[in-house]
Amino acid sequence: MSDPGDDAAAPSRSPSHAAGGDPLLTPEDDRVVGAKQAQMAAAEYGLVDDPPLVAYVDAVGQRLAHNAPGDFQYRFQIVNEDVPNAFALPGGYVFVTRGLLLLVNSEDELANVMGHEITHVAERHAAMQQAAASSPVFALPKLVQVAGAGVDMAGGQLGESPRAWLARYGRDEESDADRIGEQIAAAAGWSPQGMAEFLRDLESAMRLYAGAPRAPSFLDSHPSNPDRITAASLDASMLRWAASPGIAPDRAQFLAKLDGLVVGEDPSEGVLRGTLFLHPDLDLAVSFPDGWEVQNSHTAVGAISPERDAEILFEGQGPGTDPRAAADAFFAKTPPQAHVQRKGGVAVGANAWHEQAEIRTEQGMLVLDVTWVAVGGSIYRVTGVGPGVVIAEQREVLSDVARGIRPLTAEERRSIRVKRLRSATAQQAESLEAFSARVGNAWGLLDLAVANDLFADAALSQGQLLKIAVEESYVTRTPASGSAH
């Protein structure tokens, strides 16, 4: 969960509904809709706060964009997700995840992936997809549920909480994006073979985690197979191009650009210890009931009951010290189509306000049981959602969650660690296993191999530079006042 922001008092919205049915008829429509959706993507997904790294990715993107067809201005951001992924929004908004940056092994690979996404924008594939569907609606790539169904106050119904890329293009659009993306990369001086190399890296990663629970990856929205990799390699081999020095000219400088990138769980979003949520930057601990399934996202922490008939959401609403005023502000921003009826509220001690409301959904009438709690100059919401009879049964449980919001203990704070990407050099004929032990690598052996495009039994050479993960103490960051990240 991110830090509470100024506009967090607004009811939660699913980006798929918030586009407002905007048609993509012209490039100007792309720019307008894309700008709106990009703002929502940043709020929903969370962005990496690392100005030098973002500047590097943007520099790669701008060099590519100079060779892209069309007349869009491009903006490039890094999504704070550990899963390798990339997506583009109409009008020139391109996003890569930190998980993708952890996986790529060269600037050539990164440039080809970004060229692929630029092609989706330049060729207006979203508009083509929209037209093929005979629907005047463009939606952000949705996200799968975090912990069961989420409250979609804008649509007035329970729907999926946005958490997985579902914007899929047809085979022709994907082939175009591969082919033209390689052309864009080659024109900018990067090897067009980078696309096939990246797809091979990604398939290795997917095989490693096959069968394990995971979030969707680039392959889910950009389906791959051996034929696609072969086609990408063949197309690249037919291009005539001249290599230009990269922005990071060699592997050492490339890995230096990525140095310090978070690997795995990012404590700045909070961490889960079973049903206990700890947020070091906010100095908050929240306990959810035993037996409930708890998951953390950028916008909220969600818990769903064992019977899957009720959900608890813990969210930041923004700066403030008056819980009752926060409740009024929350409901004031609820649109009429949400069909929400407030049932009155009551103060709970000196720093909390409790209120129930009914919301009409496609599943029938549901109850929102909300407690606003003022802690450290910020307002937090604990929301129970479910049928009225279920919420009545869970009332004490919901009350316990709200009452249990507290500062971290010293032991809890010390327990929070972070893995970061670093690099180290190998010795002559050293095995990957011996290298891993010598340099203090925190990845498993197969993870280390996939991250470096190696076989687990590879014999390393003197001075060979490899990516490693190193576990370190997490240094608490002081959130900026009103910051959403």
Protein backbone atom coordinates (compact mmCIF):
# COMPACT_ATOMS: atom_id res chain seq x y z
CA MET A 1 0.00 0.00 0.00
CA SER A 2 1.30 3.45 -0.87
CA ASP A 3 1.44 6.49 1.35
CA PRO A 4 -1.94 8.29 1.64
CA GLY A 5 -2.28 11.10 -0.85
CA ASP A 6 -4.18 14.37 -1.11
CA ASP A 7 -6.90 13.00 -3.38
CA ALA A 8 -7.15 9.59 -1.76
CA ALA A 9 -10.42 10.67 -0.14
CA ALA A 10 -12.15 9.96 -3.44
CA PRO A 11 -13.96 6.63 -3.61
CA SER A 12 -11.87 3.88 -5.19
CA ARG A 13 -12.34 3.60 -8.94
CA SER A 14 -11.62 0.87 -11.41
CA PRO A 15 -9.73 2.33 -14.38
CA SER A 16 -11.77 0.20 -16.73
CA HIS A 17 -14.86 2.23 -15.87
CA ALA A 18 -13.18 5.60 -15.56
CA ALA A 19 -12.37 6.05 -19.24
CA GLY A 20 -15.94 7.24 -19.63
CA GLY A 21 -16.54 5.37 -22.89
CA ASP A 22 -14.05 7.55 -24.77
CA PRO A 23 -13.79 6.61 -28.46
CA LEU A 24 -10.40 6.63 -30.18
CA LEU A 25 -11.36 8.10 -33.54
CA THR A 26 -8.37 10.38 -34.14
CA PRO A 27 -4.78 10.75 -32.90
CA GLU A 28 -5.98 13.67 -30.79
CA ASP A 29 -8.46 11.33 -29.08
CA ASP A 30 -5.51 9.06 -28.34
CA ARG A 31 -3.66 11.93 -26.66
CA VAL A 32 -6.62 13.01 -24.53
CA VAL A 33 -7.64 9.52 -23.44
CA GLY A 34 -4.04 8.42 -22.95
CA ALA A 35 -3.28 11.36 -20.66
CA LYS A 36 -6.28 10.53 -18.49
CA GLN A 37 -5.48 6.84 -18.39
CA ALA A 38 -1.78 7.41 -17.67
CA GLN A 39 -2.65 9.47 -14.62
CA MET A 40 -4.90 6.69 -13.38
CA ALA A 41 -2.28 4.05 -14.14
CA ALA A 42 0.24 5.85 -11.96
CA ALA A 43 -2.28 6.02 -9.10
CA GLU A 44 -3.47 2.42 -9.47
CA TYR A 45 -0.23 0.62 -10.15
CA GLY A 46 2.42 2.76 -8.45
CA LEU A 47 5.61 4.03 -10.06
CA VAL A 48 9.24 3.51 -9.14
CA ASP A 49 10.60 6.60 -7.37
CA ASP A 50 14.17 6.58 -8.71
CA PRO A 51 14.82 9.71 -10.81
CA PRO A 52 18.17 8.58 -12.30
CA LEU A 53 16.74 5.22 -13.37
CA VAL A 54 13.56 6.79 -14.78
CA ALA A 55 15.72 9.31 -16.66
CA TYR A 56 17.75 6.44 -18.14
CA VAL A 57 14.66 4.55 -19.32
CA ASP A 58 13.25 7.78 -20.73
CA ALA A 59 16.51 8.48 -22.58
CA VAL A 60 16.35 5.05 -24.24
CA GLY A 61 12.69 5.66 -25.09
CA GLN A 62 13.22 9.14 -26.54
CA ARG A 63 16.02 7.90 -28.80
CA LEU A 64 13.67 5.20 -30.05
CA ALA A 65 10.76 7.62 -30.44
CA HIS A 66 12.86 9.80 -32.74
CA ASN A 67 12.66 6.96 -35.26
CA ALA A 68 9.02 6.02 -34.66
CA PRO A 69 6.31 6.67 -37.26
CA GLY A 70 3.49 9.06 -36.44
CA ASP A 71 3.41 12.29 -34.50
CA PHE A 72 3.08 11.41 -30.81
CA GLN A 73 5.13 12.76 -27.94
CA TYR A 74 6.27 9.85 -25.78
CA ARG A 75 6.59 9.53 -22.02
CA PHE A 76 8.20 6.57 -20.29
CA GLN A 77 7.67 5.38 -16.71
CA ILE A 78 8.59 2.39 -14.53
CA VAL A 79 5.78 0.52 -12.76
CA ASN A 80 6.66 -0.74 -9.28
CA GLU A 81 5.84 -4.39 -10.02
CA ASP A 82 8.24 -7.32 -9.72
CA VAL A 83 6.66 -9.20 -12.65
CA PRO A 84 8.33 -8.64 -16.07
CA ASN A 85 5.82 -6.68 -18.09
CA ALA A 86 5.34 -3.69 -20.37
CA PHE A 87 2.33 -1.91 -21.80
CA ALA A 88 1.46 1.22 -23.76
CA LEU A 89 -1.49 3.58 -23.56
CA PRO A 90 -2.79 5.63 -26.48
CA GLY A 91 -1.12 8.92 -27.21
CA GLY A 92 2.45 7.99 -26.26
CA TYR A 93 2.47 6.65 -22.69
CA VAL A 94 4.77 3.64 -22.30
CA PHE A 95 5.32 1.71 -19.06
CA VAL A 96 7.82 -1.01 -18.16
CA THR A 97 7.91 -2.80 -14.81
CA ARG A 98 10.94 -3.06 -12.56
CA GLY A 99 10.55 -6.81 -13.00
CA LEU A 100 11.26 -6.38 -16.70
CA LEU A 101 14.34 -4.30 -15.90
CA LEU A 102 15.54 -7.05 -13.55
CA LEU A 103 15.21 -9.61 -16.36
CA VAL A 104 16.72 -7.84 -19.39
CA ASN A 105 20.41 -8.50 -19.92
CA SER A 106 21.30 -5.71 -22.30
CA GLU A 107 20.21 -2.32 -23.51
CA ASP A 108 19.47 -4.00 -26.86
CA GLU A 109 16.79 -6.13 -25.19
CA LEU A 110 15.29 -3.16 -23.36
CA ALA A 111 15.25 -1.05 -26.53
CA ASN A 112 13.45 -3.73 -28.53
CA VAL A 113 10.76 -4.23 -25.87
CA MET A 114 10.21 -0.48 -25.71
CA GLY A 115 10.19 -0.29 -29.52
CA HIS A 116 7.49 -2.97 -29.51
CA GLU A 117 5.33 -0.85 -27.17
CA ILE A 118 6.03 2.35 -29.12
CA THR A 119 4.73 0.56 -32.22
CA HIS A 120 1.41 -0.17 -30.50
CA VAL A 121 1.07 3.58 -29.94
CA ALA A 122 2.36 4.75 -33.32
CA GLU A 123 0.21 2.29 -35.28
CA ARG A 124 -2.82 3.14 -33.09
CA HIS A 125 -3.45 -0.53 -32.27
CA ALA A 126 -5.79 0.39 -29.39
CA ALA A 127 -8.06 2.20 -31.86
CA MET A 128 -7.94 -0.81 -34.19
CA GLN A 129 -8.82 -3.11 -31.31
CA GLN A 130 -11.67 -0.82 -30.34
CA ALA A 131 -13.03 -0.72 -33.87
CA ALA A 132 -12.80 -4.50 -34.23
CA ALA A 133 -14.83 -4.87 -31.05
CA SER A 134 -17.42 -2.39 -32.35
CA SER A 135 -17.19 -0.66 -29.00
CA PRO A 136 -16.38 3.03 -28.37
CA VAL A 137 -14.67 2.23 -25.08
CA PHE A 138 -10.95 2.19 -24.36
CA ALA A 139 -10.04 0.75 -20.98
CA LEU A 140 -6.78 0.70 -19.12
CA PRO A 141 -5.25 -2.76 -18.91
CA LYS A 142 -7.19 -4.12 -15.96
CA LEU A 143 -5.73 -5.89 -13.01
CA VAL A 144 -6.94 -9.12 -11.48
CA GLN A 145 -8.45 -9.14 -8.04
CA VAL A 146 -6.21 -8.47 -5.08
CA ALA A 147 -8.33 -10.25 -2.52
CA GLY A 148 -11.64 -11.16 -4.01
CA ALA A 149 -14.03 -8.53 -5.29
CA GLY A 150 -13.37 -4.86 -4.74
CA VAL A 151 -15.82 -2.01 -4.30
CA ASP A 152 -16.27 -0.13 -7.55
CA MET A 153 -17.92 3.02 -6.26
CA ALA A 154 -17.88 4.67 -9.68
CA GLY A 155 -19.87 1.86 -11.26
CA GLY A 156 -21.96 1.11 -8.22
CA GLN A 157 -21.16 -2.58 -8.20
CA LEU A 158 -18.70 -5.12 -6.92
CA GLY A 159 -16.14 -5.78 -9.60
CA GLU A 160 -12.60 -6.99 -10.00
CA SER A 161 -10.00 -4.82 -8.38
CA PRO A 162 -7.70 -3.77 -11.25
CA ARG A 163 -4.52 -5.86 -11.01
CA ALA A 164 -3.55 -7.67 -14.27
CA TRP A 165 -2.91 -6.57 -17.82
CA LEU A 166 -5.79 -7.75 -19.98
CA ALA A 167 -5.37 -5.48 -23.00
CA ARG A 168 -4.55 -8.01 -25.69
CA TYR A 169 -3.86 -7.34 -29.31
CA GLY A 170 -4.47 -9.72 -32.18
CA ARG A 171 -1.78 -11.80 -33.80
CA ASP A 172 -1.36 -9.29 -36.64
CA GLU A 173 -0.85 -6.37 -34.22
CA GLU A 174 1.68 -8.36 -32.20
CA SER A 175 3.59 -9.36 -35.32
CA ASP A 176 3.61 -5.74 -36.47
CA ALA A 177 4.84 -4.59 -33.08
CA ASP A 178 7.68 -7.13 -33.11
CA ARG A 179 8.73 -6.32 -36.68
CA ILE A 180 8.37 -2.53 -36.57
CA GLY A 181 9.76 -2.40 -33.04
CA GLU A 182 12.90 -4.13 -34.29
CA GLN A 183 13.11 -1.62 -37.13
CA ILE A 184 12.82 1.27 -34.70
CA ALA A 185 15.51 -0.21 -32.46
CA ALA A 186 17.82 -0.87 -35.41
CA ALA A 187 17.35 2.65 -36.79
CA ALA A 188 18.39 3.99 -33.39
CA GLY A 189 21.54 1.87 -33.37
CA TRP A 190 20.54 -1.09 -31.19
CA SER A 191 20.73 -4.71 -32.30
CA PRO A 192 17.30 -5.84 -33.55
CA GLN A 193 18.10 -9.34 -32.26
CA GLY A 194 17.35 -7.94 -28.80
CA MET A 195 13.65 -8.83 -29.17
CA ALA A 196 14.27 -12.54 -29.75
CA GLU A 197 16.87 -12.55 -26.97
CA PHE A 198 14.41 -11.00 -24.54
CA LEU A 199 11.64 -13.43 -25.45
CA ARG A 200 14.03 -16.34 -24.81
CA ASP A 201 14.94 -14.84 -21.42
CA LEU A 202 11.29 -14.43 -20.59
CA GLU A 203 10.33 -17.95 -21.57
CA SER A 204 13.12 -19.25 -19.34
CA ALA A 205 11.68 -17.23 -16.46
CA MET A 206 8.17 -18.51 -17.12
CA ARG A 207 9.37 -22.12 -17.23
CA LEU A 208 11.15 -21.59 -13.90
CA TYR A 209 7.97 -20.40 -12.26
CA ALA A 210 5.58 -22.70 -14.15
CA GLY A 211 2.81 -23.85 -11.87
CA ALA A 212 3.63 -21.31 -9.18
CA PRO A 213 1.09 -18.60 -8.29
CA ARG A 214 2.15 -15.46 -10.09
CA ALA A 215 0.90 -12.19 -11.49
CA PRO A 216 0.47 -11.91 -15.26
CA SER A 217 3.60 -11.23 -17.30
CA PHE A 218 4.50 -9.79 -20.68
CA LEU A 219 3.76 -13.21 -22.18
CA ASP A 220 0.15 -13.11 -20.99
CA SER A 221 -0.68 -9.98 -22.96
CA HIS A 222 1.94 -10.62 -25.68
CA PRO A 223 1.58 -14.37 -26.36
CA SER A 224 4.84 -16.06 -27.32
CA ASN A 225 5.82 -19.37 -28.82
CA PRO A 226 8.88 -20.81 -30.59
CA ASP A 227 7.52 -19.62 -33.95
CA ARG A 228 7.29 -16.06 -32.69
CA ILE A 229 10.86 -16.13 -31.39
CA THR A 230 12.07 -17.62 -34.68
CA ALA A 231 10.17 -14.99 -36.66
CA ALA A 232 11.60 -12.19 -34.52
CA SER A 233 15.14 -13.50 -35.03
CA LEU A 234 14.61 -13.98 -38.78
CA ASP A 235 13.14 -10.49 -39.23
CA ALA A 236 16.07 -9.01 -37.31
CA SER A 237 18.62 -10.87 -39.45
CA MET A 238 17.17 -9.29 -42.59
CA LEU A 239 17.60 -5.72 -41.34
CA ARG A 240 20.56 -3.63 -42.39
CA TRP A 241 21.67 -1.47 -39.49
CA ALA A 242 24.68 0.26 -38.01
CA ALA A 243 25.47 -0.08 -34.33
CA SER A 244 25.64 3.14 -32.31
CA PRO A 245 27.04 3.44 -28.79
CA GLY A 246 24.33 2.75 -26.27
CA ILE A 247 23.31 5.20 -23.59
CA ALA A 248 24.99 2.62 -21.33
CA PRO A 249 27.70 1.51 -23.80
CA ASP A 250 28.65 -1.80 -22.16
CA ARG A 251 27.30 -4.37 -19.71
CA ALA A 252 29.07 -2.84 -16.73
CA GLN A 253 27.52 0.57 -17.37
CA PHE A 254 24.14 -1.00 -18.14
CA LEU A 255 24.08 -2.87 -14.84
CA ALA A 256 25.28 0.26 -13.06
CA LYS A 257 22.12 2.01 -14.28
CA LEU A 258 20.02 -0.72 -12.63
CA ASP A 259 22.07 -0.89 -9.43
CA GLY A 260 19.92 -0.77 -6.31
CA LEU A 261 16.65 -1.72 -8.02
CA VAL A 262 14.38 -3.53 -5.57
CA VAL A 263 14.10 -7.28 -6.14
CA GLY A 264 10.87 -8.92 -4.98
CA GLU A 265 8.78 -7.33 -2.24
CA ASP A 266 9.20 -3.56 -1.93
CA PRO A 267 8.96 -2.45 1.72
CA SER A 268 8.03 1.07 0.62
CA GLU A 269 4.63 -0.44 -0.26
CA GLY A 270 4.43 -2.27 3.08
CA VAL A 271 5.08 -5.94 3.79
CA LEU A 272 2.95 -8.86 4.92
CA ARG A 273 3.87 -11.27 7.68
CA GLY A 274 0.99 -13.71 7.44
CA THR A 275 -2.07 -11.65 8.40
CA LEU A 276 0.03 -8.83 9.87
CA PHE A 277 0.68 -5.81 7.62
CA LEU A 278 3.72 -3.66 8.40
CA HIS A 279 4.51 -0.34 6.72
CA PRO A 280 7.92 1.01 7.77
CA ASP A 281 7.63 4.40 6.05
CA LEU A 282 4.25 5.11 7.65
CA ASP A 283 5.20 3.47 10.97
CA LEU A 284 2.00 1.42 10.90
CA ALA A 285 1.05 -2.13 11.83
CA VAL A 286 -2.39 -3.57 11.07
CA SER A 287 -3.59 -7.05 12.10
CA PHE A 288 -6.15 -8.87 9.97
CA PRO A 289 -8.17 -11.80 11.31
CA ASP A 290 -6.63 -15.25 11.39
CA GLY A 291 -7.72 -17.46 8.51
CA TRP A 292 -8.44 -14.56 6.16
CA GLU A 293 -6.53 -14.34 2.88
CA VAL A 294 -4.54 -11.08 2.87
CA GLN A 295 -2.90 -9.39 -0.11
CA ASN A 296 -1.18 -6.05 -0.53
CA SER A 297 -1.45 -3.76 -3.55
CA HIS A 298 -0.34 -0.22 -4.31
CA THR A 299 -3.71 1.26 -3.36
CA ALA A 300 -4.93 -0.93 -0.50
CA VAL A 301 -4.46 -4.00 1.64
CA GLY A 302 -7.30 -6.46 1.15
CA ALA A 303 -8.43 -9.46 3.17
CA ILE A 304 -11.14 -11.90 2.20
CA SER A 305 -12.95 -14.18 4.62
CA PRO A 306 -12.48 -17.96 4.56
CA GLU A 307 -16.04 -18.31 3.27
CA ARG A 308 -15.27 -15.63 0.61
CA ASP A 309 -18.43 -13.75 1.51
CA ALA A 310 -16.85 -10.63 3.03
CA GLU A 311 -13.84 -8.43 2.40
CA ILE A 312 -11.87 -5.94 4.45
CA LEU A 313 -9.95 -3.11 2.78
CA PHE A 314 -7.37 -0.96 4.55
CA GLU A 315 -6.56 2.25 2.66
CA GLY A 316 -4.99 5.64 3.17
CA GLN A 317 -7.38 8.53 2.56
CA GLY A 318 -5.01 11.48 2.90
CA PRO A 319 -3.79 14.10 5.36
CA GLY A 320 -6.19 15.02 8.16
CA THR A 321 -7.07 14.84 11.82
CA ASP A 322 -10.89 14.84 11.71
CA PRO A 323 -12.34 11.37 10.95
CA ARG A 324 -15.92 12.61 10.70
CA ALA A 325 -14.95 15.25 8.14
CA ALA A 326 -13.10 12.54 6.25
CA ALA A 327 -16.28 10.45 6.13
CA ASP A 328 -18.25 13.40 4.74
CA ALA A 329 -15.55 14.04 2.14
CA PHE A 330 -15.55 10.38 1.12
CA PHE A 331 -19.28 10.18 0.52
CA ALA A 332 -19.42 13.64 -1.08
CA LYS A 333 -17.27 12.29 -3.90
CA THR A 334 -19.46 9.24 -4.43
CA PRO A 335 -21.27 9.63 -7.79
CA PRO A 336 -25.08 9.26 -7.82
CA GLN A 337 -24.92 6.13 -10.00
CA ALA A 338 -23.21 4.30 -7.14
CA HIS A 339 -26.59 4.20 -5.32
CA VAL A 340 -24.99 4.57 -1.89
CA GLN A 341 -27.21 5.28 1.13
CA ARG A 342 -25.56 6.41 4.37
CA LYS A 343 -27.07 4.96 7.56
CA GLY A 344 -25.63 7.38 10.08
CA GLY A 345 -22.43 7.22 12.10
CA VAL A 346 -20.91 7.48 15.54
CA ALA A 347 -17.61 8.62 17.06
CA VAL A 348 -15.37 5.81 18.27
CA GLY A 349 -13.07 7.25 20.87
CA ALA A 350 -11.22 10.47 20.15
CA ASN A 351 -9.68 9.56 16.81
CA ALA A 352 -12.17 7.42 14.86
CA TRP A 353 -15.58 7.63 13.19
CA HIS A 354 -17.71 4.61 12.26
CA GLU A 355 -20.49 4.53 9.69
CA GLN A 356 -22.44 2.06 7.61
CA ALA A 357 -23.90 2.50 4.15
CA GLU A 358 -25.79 0.37 1.68
CA ILE A 359 -24.70 -0.02 -1.92
CA ARG A 360 -26.84 -1.48 -4.69
CA THR A 361 -24.98 -3.95 -6.92
CA GLU A 362 -25.71 -6.56 -9.55
CA GLN A 363 -25.39 -9.12 -6.74
CA GLY A 364 -28.00 -7.31 -4.67
CA MET A 365 -27.76 -4.90 -1.74
CA LEU A 366 -24.45 -4.95 0.11
CA VAL A 367 -23.32 -3.16 3.25
CA LEU A 368 -20.24 -0.98 3.61
CA ASP A 369 -19.00 -0.90 7.19
CA VAL A 370 -16.40 1.89 7.33
CA THR A 371 -14.22 3.21 10.13
CA TRP A 372 -12.07 6.30 9.58
CA VAL A 373 -9.06 6.49 11.89
CA ALA A 374 -6.78 9.51 12.37
CA VAL A 375 -3.15 8.47 12.95
CA GLY A 376 -0.08 10.70 12.78
CA GLY A 377 -1.74 13.46 10.77
CA SER A 378 -3.28 11.10 8.20
CA ILE A 379 -6.67 9.46 7.79
CA TYR A 380 -7.00 5.73 7.15
CA ARG A 381 -10.10 3.72 6.20
CA VAL A 382 -11.05 0.22 7.29
CA THR A 383 -13.93 -0.93 5.08
CA GLY A 384 -15.90 -4.14 5.45
CA VAL A 385 -17.94 -5.21 2.41
CA GLY A 386 -20.53 -7.94 2.18
CA PRO A 387 -24.20 -8.85 2.59
CA GLY A 388 -25.85 -7.23 5.59
CA VAL A 389 -26.19 -10.44 7.60
CA VAL A 390 -22.52 -11.29 7.03
CA ILE A 391 -21.32 -7.81 8.01
CA ALA A 392 -23.42 -8.01 11.16
CA GLU A 393 -21.69 -11.29 12.05
CA GLN A 394 -18.26 -9.79 11.33
CA ARG A 395 -18.81 -6.47 13.10
CA GLU A 396 -16.51 -7.29 16.02
CA VAL A 397 -13.83 -8.52 13.64
CA LEU A 398 -13.98 -5.26 11.69
CA SER A 399 -13.83 -3.27 14.91
CA ASP A 400 -10.75 -5.21 16.03
CA VAL A 401 -8.94 -4.36 12.77
CA ALA A 402 -9.65 -0.64 13.18
CA ARG A 403 -8.70 -0.63 16.87
CA GLY A 404 -5.55 -2.60 16.13
CA ILE A 405 -3.87 0.07 13.98
CA ARG A 406 -0.66 0.89 15.84
CA PRO A 407 3.00 1.94 15.41
CA LEU A 408 5.65 -0.67 14.61
CA THR A 409 7.63 -2.22 17.42
CA ALA A 410 11.41 -1.91 17.32
CA GLU A 411 11.68 -5.63 16.60
CA GLU A 412 9.20 -5.40 13.71
CA ARG A 413 11.12 -2.50 12.20
CA ARG A 414 14.44 -4.39 12.45
CA SER A 415 12.87 -7.43 10.79
CA ILE A 416 12.07 -5.56 7.58
CA ARG A 417 14.71 -6.24 4.96
CA VAL A 418 14.94 -5.50 1.25
CA LYS A 419 16.66 -7.27 -1.65
CA ARG A 420 18.40 -5.04 -4.17
CA LEU A 421 20.02 -5.68 -7.53
CA ARG A 422 23.80 -5.50 -7.46
CA SER A 423 26.55 -6.92 -9.69
CA ALA A 424 29.70 -8.97 -9.08
CA THR A 425 32.49 -10.47 -11.16
CA ALA A 426 33.22 -14.17 -11.49
CA GLN A 427 36.51 -16.01 -11.21
CA GLN A 428 37.96 -18.30 -13.87
CA ALA A 429 36.03 -21.60 -14.25
CA GLU A 430 33.96 -20.79 -11.17
CA SER A 431 30.64 -22.59 -10.97
CA LEU A 432 27.47 -20.56 -10.61
CA GLU A 433 26.85 -22.19 -7.24
CA ALA A 434 30.34 -21.28 -5.95
CA PHE A 435 30.00 -17.75 -7.32
CA SER A 436 26.63 -17.32 -5.60
CA ALA A 437 28.01 -18.42 -2.23
CA ARG A 438 31.15 -16.29 -2.52
CA VAL A 439 29.37 -13.00 -3.35
CA GLY A 440 26.45 -13.42 -0.92
CA ASN A 441 23.77 -13.71 -3.59
CA ALA A 442 20.25 -13.90 -2.15
CA TRP A 443 18.60 -15.36 -5.26
CA GLY A 444 18.14 -19.10 -5.63
CA LEU A 445 20.51 -20.77 -8.07
CA LEU A 446 17.90 -21.08 -10.84
CA ASP A 447 16.75 -17.49 -10.33
CA LEU A 448 20.37 -16.36 -10.62
CA ALA A 449 20.82 -18.36 -13.82
CA VAL A 450 17.65 -17.01 -15.47
CA ALA A 451 18.45 -13.42 -14.45
CA ASN A 452 21.78 -13.70 -16.25
CA ASP A 453 20.64 -15.79 -19.24
CA LEU A 454 22.80 -18.74 -18.14
CA PHE A 455 22.39 -22.45 -17.50
CA ALA A 456 22.60 -23.44 -13.85
CA ASP A 457 25.66 -25.62 -14.57
CA ALA A 458 27.51 -22.91 -16.50
CA ALA A 459 31.24 -22.49 -15.92
CA LEU A 460 32.02 -18.80 -15.57
CA SER A 461 34.98 -16.92 -16.97
CA GLN A 462 37.41 -14.55 -15.27
CA GLY A 463 35.86 -11.10 -14.84
CA GLN A 464 32.41 -12.12 -16.13
CA LEU A 465 29.92 -9.63 -14.72
CA LEU A 466 26.66 -11.01 -13.31
CA LYS A 467 23.56 -9.59 -11.71
CA ILE A 468 23.00 -10.69 -8.13
CA ALA A 469 20.43 -9.94 -5.43
CA VAL A 470 21.73 -8.76 -2.06
CA GLU A 471 19.63 -8.60 1.10
CA GLU A 472 20.09 -5.38 3.05
CA SER A 473 18.52 -3.49 5.93
CA TYR A 474 15.62 -1.34 4.77
CA VAL A 475 16.19 2.36 5.32
CA THR A 476 12.92 4.08 6.15
CA ARG A 477 11.95 6.93 3.88
CA THR A 478 10.06 9.90 5.29
CA PRO A 479 6.96 10.38 3.12
CA ALA A 480 6.55 13.86 1.68
CA SER A 481 3.51 15.66 3.01
CA GLY A 482 0.49 14.70 0.93
CA SER A 483 2.55 12.41 -1.28
CA ALA A 484 0.76 9.48 -2.88
CA HIS A 485 3.95 7.43 -3.20
